[in-house]
Amino acid sequence: MTATAQLLTPTTAFEEYFGGIVAGEIVACEKIKAISAKLMDARFNPGKYHYDPAIAQRHVDFIQNFCCVPRGRLGAPLKLELFQEAITMAIFGFVDDDGNRQYQEVMIVMGRKNGKTTWAAALELDLLINDGEGAPSIYNVATKHDQAMEMFTRAHTMVRFSPHLRKHVRKRMSDLFCHYNDGTIKALSSQTSSMDGLDVHGGFIDELAAIKNRDIYDLTKQGMSARRQPLLVSISTNGFVRDNIFDSQYEYAASFLKGTLGQGTDRFLPFIYELDDREEWDKEECWPKANPGLGTIKRLDILRDMVNKAKDDPAFKPSVMVKDFNLIENVASAWLTWSDIETREPVPHDKGKTRPATFDLAEMGFDYAIGGIDAADSVDLNAAVILCRRRLYNGELDPRIYVTPMFWLPESVLEVAVASGNRRERDAVPYLLWEKRGLLRSVPGNKVDKQVMVDWFLEMREEHGIYTTKIGYDPYHVDGSIQAQFKAAFGQNSFLPIRQGVKTLSGPMKELKADLKANLIVHNQNPLLMWNMANVEVKCDTNGEIQPQKGIDPRKRIDGLAALLDAYTVLQDNRADYEGLI
């Protein structure tokens, strides 16, 4: 029997909330609709795990009977909102025949000021006292100690103002201690001297999007292996730090909800509250998609004021888009916003909806291309791109520009990542994963021989029938021998130097950004290229002329954008000749 067929009169918050979403009675984004359908189906069609309403209710009752509000109405009983109660029941209610919990990892993403931290503090007290575990070790984990202490402090406040909790839990020097089961709650951060050897019954990661590398997550996760029914809960809004553990977990959650993952995902439970489309940001009826506590926990009038301010203040808008609506941005000072970078197209037969724009190189029928390379220092990331255009069936020129990039790193760089257990990859990005996906190639030794770029352009000709007529390059890292190889392969007038200054690049940069904003640059959502594009900052002179520059963080590579910009500059300078060929 399907979940839809089971929309009976609600008996608990679980059925009322998740069933209401499946029935379309509660406003929700597509990811929340997907997890609601999965949970309702599992509720009425048990398999290896089944839903036990008594166990689910026990955990809800503990929170609402013994925990209190730690801010504002200090000491008042903590009444869970419908969404909080339903999710709490989902976390704890699914068990095996021995009563052991199904879900061991929960990811909760929603807009700021929706009560995440207070709710999580109550959950960790429940794990400490009410989970039937001997000597449970609960950890509040964050990048910085102050952030880790935020949830810890709220849990401590709940203990102080609850006469029932005070009987069993007391504050010691560095933890909260439950004397009847020897359980503890501690605050840990990446600044802690050592996190190795943790024995984790409950791990709570606050603001996952602020964590710049995955070490702190991995160590917490690995510390759960000795426990009978451990639980790792990460709570967060979106953030401005890209290609971090948050992005990795978000992508994993999205794939899980689409049903594209393999086995071993029945322990993971994601709740991703977000807008479905960027165009919804100023539509009040859509705001609950990213803010389930809107109108009860989070004030509607304040959110309305922030949206109105963002309409008049472009510098403030990224904060609202990221922190209130969980839409992806990079940093406010960058040259491109994430909405510029992510090319989208309309969804056929679904008015008003958009999706990431993609193309199949093998099916496009391209004959000619314009190329660009960024031949960086030999030990660093190197990049090349081809730009292709085509004519439509009616003979008119397709306005879009189709981008195919390739990247190279020395094998020695990737070997360091393998030797470290893939926990500290260079530049804090997943080069090894990108290599497996064919987006990046390794070069033997500890340097990138620029010959690989010549070979790649030839490969595009031989395997895809795409002839690159002209190739732009920054002459700073290209010596005479490489110039000779490119000219021998593609013609004496094919390899064109692009000087890296405002006089040469300002116009093409402005036009490239305009094309990106108009969704005319299609790059197949290549994550390595998009990361490079997101890292670019802009230098502006007194005349308003611009050129790209790296930020102060040397790990934020821009090589792919540099290659793209070189190719785009050549395309602009030779547009008539190129269009005459296609």
Foldseek 3Di string as FASTA:
>chain_A
DFLQVVLDDDDALQSVVLVCVCVVNDFADPLSVLLSRVLSRCAVPPDQKYFDQVQLVQLQCCQQVFFAFCPDVQLHGDDDDSVLSNVSSSQQGIAGPVSATFAAEEEEAFFPQQCPLLSVLSVVVCLQPPDPDAQAEEEQEEADQVQSVVSVVSNQSRCVSGPVNVVAWDDDDAWIAGPVRRYTYGYDHPPPPDLAPAQHQEYEYEAQQVDLFCPRVVSNVVNPVVDRHGHYYYYHFHDQRPQYVVVVVVVVSVCVSVVNDDPDCSNYHYDAQAQQDPVCLLPLVNQCSRRVSDPPRNDPVVLNVQSVVCVVPVLSVVCCRGRRGNDHFHDSQAPDTLLLLFQWDADPPPPPHIDGDADDLQPPPFAEWFKFWEFDFFQDKIKMKTWTWDADPVRHTQLAIEIEMAIEHAVVLVVVCVVVVVRDHFLSHPPVVCVVVVRYYYDYDRTHDCVVVVVVQVCCCPVRNYQYQAYEYACPNDDPVNLVSNCVSRNNHRYHYQHQDLVQQQVLVVVSSVCSNVSRYRYRVSVVQSQLSSQWGWDADPVRGIGTDGDPDPSRHNRSVNGVSRRSSVCVVCVVVVVVVD
